[in-house]
Amino acid sequence: IQHAPNAMHRGTVIHKVFEEFVSDTAKNGILITEETLLSVAHRILEAEVPWPTDRIQWRVRIEKIARWFVENERTRQAIAKPGLFETKGGIDMANPPFRVTAKADRIDLNDRAEAFVYDYKTGIAPSKDRQLQFDVQLLVTAALILEGGFDEFSPRFVADARYISLAGDGAEVPAPLEECPPE
């Protein structure tokens, strides 16, 4: 019995493409090109997606946003260096006792020890209002960073947090950090 791909598998594979591309280009900025992104996508899709029709559809989807992503990635990496990928963080609360956790897709640091947090979305990124009411992932991640919830580093400030939508033509939606300070 052959299993069909599902949304979770698609999300995992597409995240892997962009994580590997960003990780590679963080070591060598000259690689921040559409050609490099599409090469990484081709290699990962060939290895991870055994269904030819889906592999083609996912590749076309990445090709559609490649130029947009690369142009914006140059800007992101000019501001801060990618540092952590798919990293879990958490802090323990005392009263009542419980643990707050988050998994960050990507956290970059600049030379002033400021964090830039990014979360990839294979669908449409949540609006500011939706983030304030329901999709609090970036806000929780920012709070955990400020509280020392990520053992790998200790930035002094979260300068920016945003969703990067990998759907359609691509889009970035900032988290409303000013309206919901992570304190």
Protein backbone atom coordinates (compact mmCIF):
# COMPACT_ATOMS: atom_id res chain seq x y z
CA ILE A 1 0.00 0.00 0.00
CA GLN A 2 1.42 3.37 -1.01
CA HIS A 3 0.63 6.26 1.28
CA ALA A 4 -0.22 9.65 -0.15
CA PRO A 5 1.53 12.76 1.14
CA ASN A 6 -0.26 14.88 3.70
CA ALA A 7 -0.01 18.51 4.76
CA MET A 8 2.34 17.68 7.64
CA HIS A 9 4.77 15.85 5.34
CA ARG A 10 4.66 18.72 2.83
CA GLY A 11 5.34 21.23 5.59
CA THR A 12 8.24 19.18 6.96
CA VAL A 13 9.86 18.79 3.55
CA ILE A 14 9.43 22.44 2.54
CA HIS A 15 10.79 23.59 5.93
CA LYS A 16 13.79 21.33 5.35
CA VAL A 17 14.46 22.94 1.95
CA PHE A 18 14.50 26.48 3.36
CA GLU A 19 16.37 25.53 6.54
CA GLU A 20 19.14 23.85 4.57
CA PHE A 21 19.33 26.72 2.08
CA VAL A 22 19.59 29.32 4.85
CA SER A 23 22.09 27.24 6.83
CA ASP A 24 24.32 26.80 3.77
CA THR A 25 24.12 30.45 2.75
CA ALA A 26 24.86 31.64 6.29
CA LYS A 27 28.29 30.06 5.86
CA ASN A 28 28.80 31.51 2.38
CA GLY A 29 26.69 34.52 1.40
CA ILE A 30 27.63 34.22 -2.25
CA LEU A 31 25.29 31.21 -2.37
CA ILE A 32 22.18 33.34 -1.72
CA THR A 33 20.86 32.79 -5.25
CA GLU A 34 17.76 31.36 -6.86
CA GLU A 35 19.92 28.68 -8.45
CA THR A 36 21.20 27.50 -5.07
CA LEU A 37 17.69 27.47 -3.56
CA LEU A 38 16.29 25.51 -6.50
CA SER A 39 19.21 23.07 -6.39
CA VAL A 40 18.62 22.41 -2.68
CA ALA A 41 14.89 22.04 -3.36
CA HIS A 42 15.48 19.58 -6.20
CA ARG A 43 17.82 17.41 -4.13
CA ILE A 44 15.56 17.31 -1.06
CA LEU A 45 12.35 16.79 -3.02
CA GLU A 46 13.93 13.92 -4.96
CA ALA A 47 15.05 12.26 -1.71
CA GLU A 48 11.96 12.95 0.41
CA VAL A 49 8.96 12.89 -1.93
CA PRO A 50 8.42 9.56 -3.73
CA TRP A 51 5.25 10.75 -5.48
CA PRO A 52 6.19 12.34 -8.85
CA THR A 53 3.09 14.51 -9.21
CA ASP A 54 3.46 15.94 -5.71
CA ARG A 55 7.19 16.42 -6.16
CA ILE A 56 6.51 18.50 -9.29
CA GLN A 57 3.76 20.53 -7.60
CA TRP A 58 5.94 21.28 -4.58
CA ARG A 59 8.89 22.19 -6.82
CA VAL A 60 6.71 24.59 -8.84
CA ARG A 61 5.50 26.16 -5.61
CA ILE A 62 9.10 26.77 -4.50
CA GLU A 63 10.07 28.07 -7.96
CA LYS A 64 7.22 30.59 -7.76
CA ILE A 65 8.56 32.21 -4.59
CA ALA A 66 12.30 31.64 -5.17
CA ARG A 67 13.13 35.14 -6.41
CA TRP A 68 11.09 36.79 -3.65
CA PHE A 69 12.61 34.59 -0.94
CA VAL A 70 16.20 35.08 -2.13
CA GLU A 71 15.86 38.88 -2.35
CA ASN A 72 14.42 39.00 1.16
CA GLU A 73 16.97 36.51 2.48
CA ARG A 74 19.80 38.78 1.36
CA THR A 75 18.23 41.54 3.45
CA ARG A 76 17.66 39.25 6.44
CA GLN A 77 21.27 38.03 6.41
CA ALA A 78 22.60 41.59 5.99
CA ILE A 79 20.84 42.44 9.26
CA ALA A 80 21.68 39.34 11.31
CA LYS A 81 23.39 35.97 11.00
CA PRO A 82 21.26 32.82 11.04
CA GLY A 83 22.14 30.88 14.15
CA LEU A 84 19.57 28.41 15.40
CA PHE A 85 17.21 26.20 13.42
CA GLU A 86 14.34 24.03 14.64
CA THR A 87 15.36 24.69 18.24
CA LYS A 88 13.23 23.96 21.28
CA GLY A 89 13.12 26.29 24.23
CA GLY A 90 11.18 26.46 27.46
CA ILE A 91 10.90 27.85 30.95
CA ASP A 92 9.30 26.55 34.12
CA MET A 93 6.66 28.64 35.84
CA ALA A 94 6.18 28.42 39.59
CA ASN A 95 2.58 29.26 40.44
CA PRO A 96 0.83 27.15 39.32
CA PRO A 97 3.70 24.89 38.26
CA PHE A 98 3.86 24.29 34.51
CA ARG A 99 6.32 24.52 31.61
CA VAL A 100 6.00 26.93 28.67
CA THR A 101 7.69 25.64 25.52
CA ALA A 102 8.14 26.65 21.90
CA LYS A 103 10.01 25.40 18.88
CA ALA A 104 11.65 28.14 16.81
CA ASP A 105 12.07 27.53 13.09
CA ARG A 106 14.90 30.03 12.98
CA ILE A 107 16.59 32.57 15.24
CA ASP A 108 19.20 34.96 13.85
CA LEU A 109 21.54 37.18 15.90
CA ASN A 110 23.13 40.48 14.96
CA ASP A 111 26.40 41.89 16.29
CA ARG A 112 24.54 43.72 19.09
CA ALA A 113 23.17 40.42 20.49
CA GLU A 114 19.66 41.16 19.22
CA ALA A 115 17.50 38.24 18.12
CA PHE A 116 15.45 38.05 14.93
CA VAL A 117 12.89 35.25 15.04
CA TYR A 118 11.34 33.68 11.93
CA ASP A 119 8.66 31.07 11.51
CA TYR A 120 8.05 29.52 8.09
CA LYS A 121 4.45 28.93 7.07
CA THR A 122 3.58 26.78 4.07
CA GLY A 123 0.16 28.43 4.13
CA ILE A 124 -0.90 32.00 4.68
CA ALA A 125 0.75 33.73 7.63
CA PRO A 126 -1.58 34.86 10.43
CA SER A 127 -2.62 38.50 10.55
CA LYS A 128 -1.65 40.77 13.44
CA ASP A 129 -5.11 40.42 15.01
CA ARG A 130 -5.02 36.64 14.69
CA GLN A 131 -1.58 36.58 16.32
CA LEU A 132 -2.83 38.63 19.26
CA GLN A 133 -5.82 36.31 19.77
CA PHE A 134 -4.86 32.80 18.62
CA ASP A 135 -1.55 32.29 16.82
CA VAL A 136 0.77 33.31 19.65
CA GLN A 137 3.72 31.13 18.67
CA LEU A 138 6.08 33.99 17.79
CA LEU A 139 5.02 36.02 20.82
CA VAL A 140 5.67 33.05 23.13
CA THR A 141 9.01 32.38 21.44
CA ALA A 142 10.05 36.03 21.89
CA ALA A 143 9.09 35.87 25.58
CA LEU A 144 11.07 32.64 26.05
CA ILE A 145 14.12 34.21 24.41
CA LEU A 146 13.99 37.17 26.79
CA GLU A 147 13.57 34.86 29.79
CA GLY A 148 16.59 32.71 28.83
CA GLY A 149 14.47 29.82 27.62
CA PHE A 150 16.90 28.84 24.84
CA ASP A 151 20.07 27.33 26.30
CA GLU A 152 22.14 27.77 23.12
CA PHE A 153 22.36 31.56 23.37
CA SER A 154 21.33 34.60 25.35
CA PRO A 155 20.42 37.64 23.29
CA ARG A 156 19.72 40.87 25.12
CA PHE A 157 16.68 41.84 23.06
CA VAL A 158 14.25 40.54 20.41
CA ALA A 159 14.56 43.09 17.62
CA ASP A 160 12.01 41.47 15.30
CA ALA A 161 9.82 38.40 14.90
CA ARG A 162 7.91 37.53 11.76
CA TYR A 163 6.16 34.81 9.88
CA ILE A 164 7.52 34.02 6.43
CA SER A 165 4.71 32.67 4.26
CA LEU A 166 5.99 30.30 1.60
CA ALA A 167 2.59 30.24 -0.14
CA GLY A 168 1.49 32.14 -3.22
CA ASP A 169 3.98 34.88 -4.05
CA GLY A 170 5.48 34.83 -0.55
CA ALA A 171 4.89 37.30 2.25
CA GLU A 172 6.26 38.39 5.60
CA VAL A 173 3.95 39.26 8.48
CA PRO A 174 5.55 40.81 11.56
CA ALA A 175 4.57 39.73 15.03
CA PRO A 176 2.98 42.56 17.04
CA LEU A 177 5.78 42.69 19.62
CA GLU A 178 5.05 46.34 20.48
CA GLU A 179 1.39 45.60 21.23
CA CYS A 180 2.13 42.52 23.29
CA PRO A 181 5.53 43.02 24.85
CA PRO A 182 6.96 39.67 25.92
CA GLU A 183 7.53 40.52 29.57
